[in-house]
Amino acid sequence: MELRKLNFQKLDISMLVSEERKKKSLTFKDIGLGIGTSPSYIFRIEKGKKIPQMIL
């Protein structure tokens, strides 16, 4: 059950990042520079290979 929940989280986050990036005509590089990470990390998030960590 927990693994299934994790897969939905990955899908939701990756879809959200992808849709917003395209809607605003931004590149992976644009987002990476804006948040201080690499374009390849943004790419991996969009493809569901990474889940970004949030610091509270």
Protein backbone atom coordinates (compact mmCIF):
# COMPACT_ATOMS: atom_id res chain seq x y z
CA MET A 1 0.00 0.00 0.00
CA GLU A 2 2.78 2.47 0.92
CA LEU A 3 4.61 1.79 -2.36
CA ARG A 4 1.43 2.50 -4.30
CA LYS A 5 1.02 5.84 -2.49
CA LEU A 6 4.63 6.73 -3.32
CA ASN A 7 4.05 6.02 -7.02
CA PHE A 8 1.06 8.38 -7.06
CA GLN A 9 3.13 11.09 -5.39
CA LYS A 10 5.85 10.72 -8.02
CA LEU A 11 3.30 10.92 -10.80
CA ASP A 12 1.54 13.96 -9.33
CA ILE A 13 4.76 15.90 -8.77
CA SER A 14 6.26 15.01 -12.14
CA MET A 15 3.06 15.97 -13.97
CA LEU A 16 2.77 19.24 -12.06
CA VAL A 17 6.38 20.25 -12.80
CA SER A 18 6.05 19.30 -16.46
CA GLU A 19 2.73 21.08 -17.01
CA GLU A 20 3.80 24.28 -15.27
CA ARG A 21 7.18 24.36 -17.02
CA LYS A 22 5.57 23.99 -20.45
CA LYS A 23 2.75 26.43 -19.64
CA LYS A 24 5.33 29.11 -18.80
CA SER A 25 7.63 28.17 -21.72
CA LEU A 26 10.55 27.48 -19.38
CA THR A 27 13.45 25.14 -20.01
CA PHE A 28 14.98 22.69 -17.55
CA LYS A 29 17.88 25.13 -17.30
CA ASP A 30 15.57 28.05 -16.48
CA ILE A 31 13.99 26.18 -13.58
CA GLY A 32 17.29 24.76 -12.36
CA LEU A 33 18.89 28.20 -12.26
CA GLY A 34 15.83 29.64 -10.55
CA ILE A 35 15.90 27.17 -7.67
CA GLY A 36 19.63 26.48 -7.51
CA THR A 37 19.86 22.99 -8.96
CA SER A 38 20.91 21.33 -12.20
CA PRO A 39 18.75 21.03 -15.32
CA SER A 40 19.26 17.26 -15.21
CA TYR A 41 17.70 17.11 -11.73
CA ILE A 42 14.58 18.89 -13.03
CA PHE A 43 14.49 16.46 -15.96
CA ARG A 44 14.62 13.48 -13.57
CA ILE A 45 11.79 14.96 -11.49
CA GLU A 46 9.62 15.34 -14.60
CA LYS A 47 10.32 11.77 -15.65
CA GLY A 48 9.40 10.47 -12.19
CA LYS A 49 12.90 9.21 -11.43
CA LYS A 50 13.37 11.61 -8.52
CA ILE A 51 11.09 13.05 -5.87
CA PRO A 52 12.24 16.45 -4.68
CA GLN A 53 12.85 16.76 -0.96
CA MET A 54 11.18 19.56 0.91
CA ILE A 55 12.89 21.30 3.79
CA LEU A 56 10.47 22.72 6.33
